Structures are given as structure tokens and as C-alpha cells.
Amino acid sequence: MTRLTVVVVMAAIVSPGIAVAQQNSMKTEPAEFQCPSILGPGATTMNLYCDVLTERDPAKGIVIQLPPHRGAVTLSFNLHNRHTYSQELVDTKRAYRQYTATIGILTADNTLISRAIIQSEFRTAADLVERVQGGADPGGVKAVAPNGTQAVEVMIPSEEESISVLGEKLSVIRLEASDNFSAVGRPVAIISNIQITYRPAR
């Protein structure tokens, strides 16, 4: 009877330690990726913003490399709409835009894993996430800037070594009209803060 009690207590002590060790083996880090169209670093945060282009070939998208891993990998990033800022339109109260962008996360062999959608509105500069460095506008910023933020998290199957983020379509509603875009090569959204969480391969 005494021996059985000792065994149960020892199991209760050891098990939490094993669970903690397993949790600690997970890593979260910035992803390594190839961006065909870099928008630039944020003027405030220095976050790197990457245009999402409408494409059909995963090799031409934002290709994210996955390190050697065991089990599924969690991919996360921020998805933004893409706004071209005009102070004149803001001053004349003609700047309103409603954006709806759809992107796909695909495997290297063109299998769709997931889709992500962001919808946001623009009225004034306060609706921008931040301005982007490297342009001719006052302060050395670009006219194009991220608008709205949608946190995206996708589970990537364990057998994948890389995935690709591709644009699918963009809808823009203005005060006077609306437009839809899906032509190949057109930037339809922006992503930033690309992270992966995985268990390293032994």
C-alpha cells in the first residue's frame, strides 16, 4: 500500500515537468521569406511591409521557407489593405474608400491551404496603420500605406517545406463608383510581421 502511494506521488511530480519541457521545445521566430515586391519599412515601427501580388504560380508569390520541423507549423502575419494617400482628396472630402482584399496561402505544388480576407475603410490619415519610408511625400514617405489590420493564423501541414502567399482579388468602393481587380501581377494587399511557431526537428 505504501509503495503504491509513493509511485503515484512521483508520477504527479514528474508529469508536469515533462509537459513543460515539451512546451519549451516549441520556437516562435520571424520567418525567412522572399518578397517579389517590397513596399518598405514603416516610418514609425520599422516593420517591413510586403505587397501581395495577384498570381497563379506559387513560385511568384511571397515564398515563406519553413525550417526543419516536427509536426505542423503555425504561420501568423498581419494582413492590411493597400491605400494610396492623397491629401487633396482628404481636404475635399472625396477620399473615402472601402477595401476588401482576398489572399490565398498555398503549398509549393499549388494546393490551397487557407484563404484570408481583410475589409477596412479609409477617410483620413488617422485610418492608416502608419506611413512607409522611401517616398517623395513630405517626410520622405510613400503615398502607398497600410490601411486596417487583420491578424491571420494558419496551420501548415507537417510535410510542407515552404508555402506561398498569393493575392486573389480586390474590391474598392469609392463615393462615386466601385472597382474589382484580379489581373495577374497587381498588388491587392500588404502583409507584415510574418512569424512561424514550430517544433524543431531533432
Protein backbone atom coordinates (compact mmCIF):
# COMPACT_ATOMS: atom_id res chain seq x y z
CA MET A 1 0.00 0.00 0.00
CA THR A 2 2.78 2.37 0.91
CA ARG A 3 4.73 1.55 -2.25
CA LEU A 4 1.69 2.29 -4.45
CA THR A 5 1.25 5.70 -2.82
CA VAL A 6 4.89 6.60 -3.47
CA VAL A 7 4.60 5.67 -7.15
CA VAL A 8 1.51 7.85 -7.64
CA VAL A 9 3.12 10.86 -5.96
CA MET A 10 6.27 10.52 -8.09
CA ALA A 11 4.16 10.40 -11.25
CA ALA A 12 2.39 13.59 -10.22
CA ILE A 13 5.73 15.31 -9.71
CA VAL A 14 7.36 14.13 -12.94
CA SER A 15 4.46 14.62 -15.37
CA PRO A 16 4.27 18.43 -15.14
CA GLY A 17 7.99 18.62 -15.78
CA ILE A 18 7.62 16.56 -18.95
CA ALA A 19 4.77 18.78 -20.13
CA VAL A 20 6.80 21.94 -19.53
CA ALA A 21 9.77 20.51 -21.40
CA GLN A 22 7.56 19.69 -24.37
CA GLN A 23 6.11 23.19 -24.41
CA ASN A 24 9.56 24.77 -24.15
CA SER A 25 10.72 22.90 -27.25
CA MET A 26 8.39 24.99 -29.42
CA LYS A 27 10.00 28.00 -31.11
CA THR A 28 8.43 31.21 -32.39
CA GLU A 29 10.57 33.36 -34.64
CA PRO A 30 10.43 35.68 -37.67
CA ALA A 31 10.00 33.70 -40.86
CA GLU A 32 12.51 33.68 -43.70
CA PHE A 33 10.73 34.74 -46.88
CA GLN A 34 11.23 36.05 -50.41
CA CYS A 35 9.12 39.10 -51.27
CA PRO A 36 8.82 39.91 -55.01
CA SER A 37 7.56 43.44 -54.23
CA ILE A 38 8.83 45.02 -51.00
CA LEU A 39 6.85 48.13 -50.09
CA GLY A 40 9.34 49.20 -47.41
CA PRO A 41 9.85 49.73 -43.67
CA GLY A 42 7.29 51.53 -41.55
CA ALA A 43 8.23 55.12 -40.66
CA THR A 44 7.23 54.57 -37.02
CA THR A 45 7.69 50.87 -36.24
CA MET A 46 10.32 49.91 -38.87
CA ASN A 47 8.18 46.83 -39.60
CA LEU A 48 8.83 45.57 -43.13
CA TYR A 49 5.77 45.71 -45.40
CA CYS A 50 5.47 43.42 -48.41
CA ASP A 51 2.97 43.77 -51.26
CA VAL A 52 0.80 40.74 -52.02
CA LEU A 53 0.54 40.40 -55.80
CA THR A 54 -2.25 38.61 -57.64
CA GLU A 55 -0.62 35.47 -59.06
CA ARG A 56 -1.45 31.91 -60.08
CA ASP A 57 2.05 30.42 -59.69
CA PRO A 58 3.16 29.86 -56.04
CA ALA A 59 6.80 30.40 -57.05
CA LYS A 60 5.93 34.02 -57.92
CA GLY A 61 4.21 34.76 -54.62
CA ILE A 62 5.64 35.60 -51.20
CA VAL A 63 7.53 32.35 -50.59
CA ILE A 64 8.00 31.52 -46.91
CA GLN A 65 10.64 28.92 -46.10
CA LEU A 66 9.94 26.54 -43.21
CA PRO A 67 12.90 25.28 -41.16
CA PRO A 68 13.29 21.56 -40.43
CA HIS A 69 10.41 20.74 -38.09
CA ARG A 70 8.37 18.01 -36.43
CA GLY A 71 4.60 18.26 -36.68
CA ALA A 72 2.52 21.11 -38.05
CA VAL A 73 3.84 24.67 -38.27
CA THR A 74 1.77 27.69 -37.29
CA LEU A 75 2.16 30.64 -39.66
CA SER A 76 1.00 34.06 -38.50
CA PHE A 77 1.11 37.52 -40.05
CA ASN A 78 -0.76 40.82 -40.23
CA LEU A 79 -2.81 41.46 -43.35
CA HIS A 80 -3.50 45.05 -44.45
CA ASN A 81 -5.35 46.78 -47.23
CA ARG A 82 -3.31 48.96 -49.58
CA HIS A 83 -4.23 52.66 -49.76
CA THR A 84 -2.73 55.42 -51.92
CA TYR A 85 -2.89 58.56 -49.80
CA SER A 86 -3.89 61.93 -51.25
CA GLN A 87 -4.05 65.00 -49.03
CA GLU A 88 -6.10 66.79 -51.70
CA LEU A 89 -8.80 64.11 -51.61
CA VAL A 90 -8.87 64.25 -47.81
CA ASP A 91 -9.18 68.05 -47.82
CA THR A 92 -12.03 67.96 -50.32
CA LYS A 93 -13.76 65.09 -48.50
CA ARG A 94 -13.51 62.77 -51.51
CA ALA A 95 -11.03 60.30 -50.00
CA TYR A 96 -13.47 57.62 -48.79
CA ARG A 97 -12.57 54.07 -49.77
CA GLN A 98 -13.81 50.68 -48.63
CA TYR A 99 -11.37 47.89 -49.43
CA THR A 100 -11.98 44.13 -49.43
CA ALA A 101 -8.90 42.06 -50.31
CA THR A 102 -8.71 38.27 -50.55
CA ILE A 103 -5.46 36.30 -50.50
CA GLY A 104 -4.56 32.61 -50.54
CA ILE A 105 -1.96 30.57 -48.66
CA LEU A 106 -0.80 27.71 -50.88
CA THR A 107 1.69 24.85 -50.90
CA ALA A 108 4.56 24.77 -53.38
CA ASP A 109 2.54 22.37 -55.59
CA ASN A 110 -0.37 24.87 -55.78
CA THR A 111 -2.67 23.28 -53.19
CA LEU A 112 -4.78 25.82 -51.31
CA ILE A 113 -4.31 25.60 -47.52
CA SER A 114 -6.38 28.60 -46.47
CA ARG A 115 -7.75 31.99 -47.53
CA ALA A 116 -7.69 35.28 -45.63
CA ILE A 117 -9.83 38.38 -46.13
CA ILE A 118 -9.48 41.92 -44.84
CA GLN A 119 -12.07 44.67 -45.13
CA SER A 120 -11.32 48.20 -43.98
CA GLU A 121 -12.28 51.81 -44.68
CA PHE A 122 -10.30 54.99 -45.26
CA ARG A 123 -11.44 58.55 -44.60
CA THR A 124 -8.46 60.43 -43.13
CA ALA A 125 -4.76 59.84 -42.37
CA ALA A 126 -5.79 58.57 -38.92
CA ASP A 127 -7.11 55.42 -40.65
CA LEU A 128 -3.63 54.43 -41.84
CA VAL A 129 -1.61 51.91 -39.81
CA GLU A 130 1.47 54.08 -40.45
CA ARG A 131 3.35 55.65 -43.35
CA VAL A 132 6.12 53.81 -45.19
CA GLN A 133 9.65 55.13 -45.68
CA GLY A 134 11.27 55.77 -49.05
CA GLY A 135 8.94 58.08 -50.95
CA ALA A 136 8.69 61.63 -52.22
CA ASP A 137 5.82 62.76 -49.99
CA PRO A 138 6.57 65.22 -47.16
CA GLY A 139 8.70 63.48 -44.53
CA GLY A 140 10.19 61.11 -47.13
CA VAL A 141 7.26 58.69 -47.02
CA LYS A 142 5.49 56.83 -49.81
CA ALA A 143 1.95 57.60 -50.94
CA VAL A 144 1.02 53.91 -50.58
CA ALA A 145 0.42 52.87 -46.97
CA PRO A 146 -1.19 50.02 -45.00
CA ASN A 147 -4.84 50.53 -44.03
CA GLY A 148 -6.53 48.27 -41.48
CA THR A 149 -5.02 45.23 -39.80
CA GLN A 150 -6.30 41.65 -39.74
CA ALA A 151 -4.32 39.11 -37.71
CA VAL A 152 -4.04 35.84 -39.66
CA GLU A 153 -3.00 32.46 -38.27
CA VAL A 154 -2.76 29.34 -40.43
CA MET A 155 -1.77 25.76 -39.55
CA ILE A 156 0.68 24.38 -42.13
CA PRO A 157 0.80 20.56 -42.58
CA SER A 158 3.94 18.91 -41.25
CA GLU A 159 5.15 17.65 -44.64
CA GLU A 160 5.48 21.11 -46.19
CA GLU A 161 8.91 22.74 -46.55
CA SER A 162 7.67 26.07 -47.88
CA ILE A 163 4.39 27.87 -48.57
CA SER A 164 3.39 30.83 -50.70
CA VAL A 165 1.08 33.81 -50.14
CA LEU A 166 -0.72 34.95 -53.30
CA GLY A 167 -3.24 37.68 -53.99
CA GLU A 168 -6.63 36.65 -55.38
CA LYS A 169 -8.83 39.74 -55.76
CA LEU A 170 -9.56 43.24 -54.54
CA SER A 171 -12.79 45.21 -54.33
CA VAL A 172 -12.70 49.00 -53.90
CA ILE A 173 -15.80 51.09 -53.19
CA ARG A 174 -15.49 54.85 -53.68
CA LEU A 175 -18.04 57.63 -53.26
CA GLU A 176 -18.75 57.75 -56.98
CA ALA A 177 -18.14 54.16 -58.13
CA SER A 178 -16.72 50.75 -57.32
CA ASP A 179 -14.00 48.62 -58.93
CA ASN A 180 -12.88 44.99 -58.84
CA PHE A 181 -9.35 43.84 -59.59
CA SER A 182 -7.97 40.35 -60.21
CA ALA A 183 -5.42 40.80 -63.01
CA VAL A 184 -2.17 38.88 -62.54
CA GLY A 185 0.69 40.97 -61.17
CA ARG A 186 -1.46 43.60 -59.44
CA PRO A 187 -0.76 44.39 -55.76
CA VAL A 188 -4.01 43.81 -53.85
CA ALA A 189 -2.91 43.78 -50.20
CA ILE A 190 0.07 44.11 -47.84
CA ILE A 191 1.43 41.76 -45.17
CA SER A 192 3.80 42.35 -42.27
CA ASN A 193 5.16 40.68 -39.13
CA ILE A 194 5.47 37.19 -40.62
CA GLN A 195 6.13 34.66 -37.82
CA ILE A 196 6.32 30.88 -37.52
CA THR A 197 5.84 28.65 -34.48
CA TYR A 198 7.25 25.12 -34.78
CA ARG A 199 8.92 22.22 -33.04
CA PRO A 200 12.49 21.90 -34.40
CA ALA A 201 13.48 18.59 -35.95
CA ARG A 202 15.99 16.63 -33.88
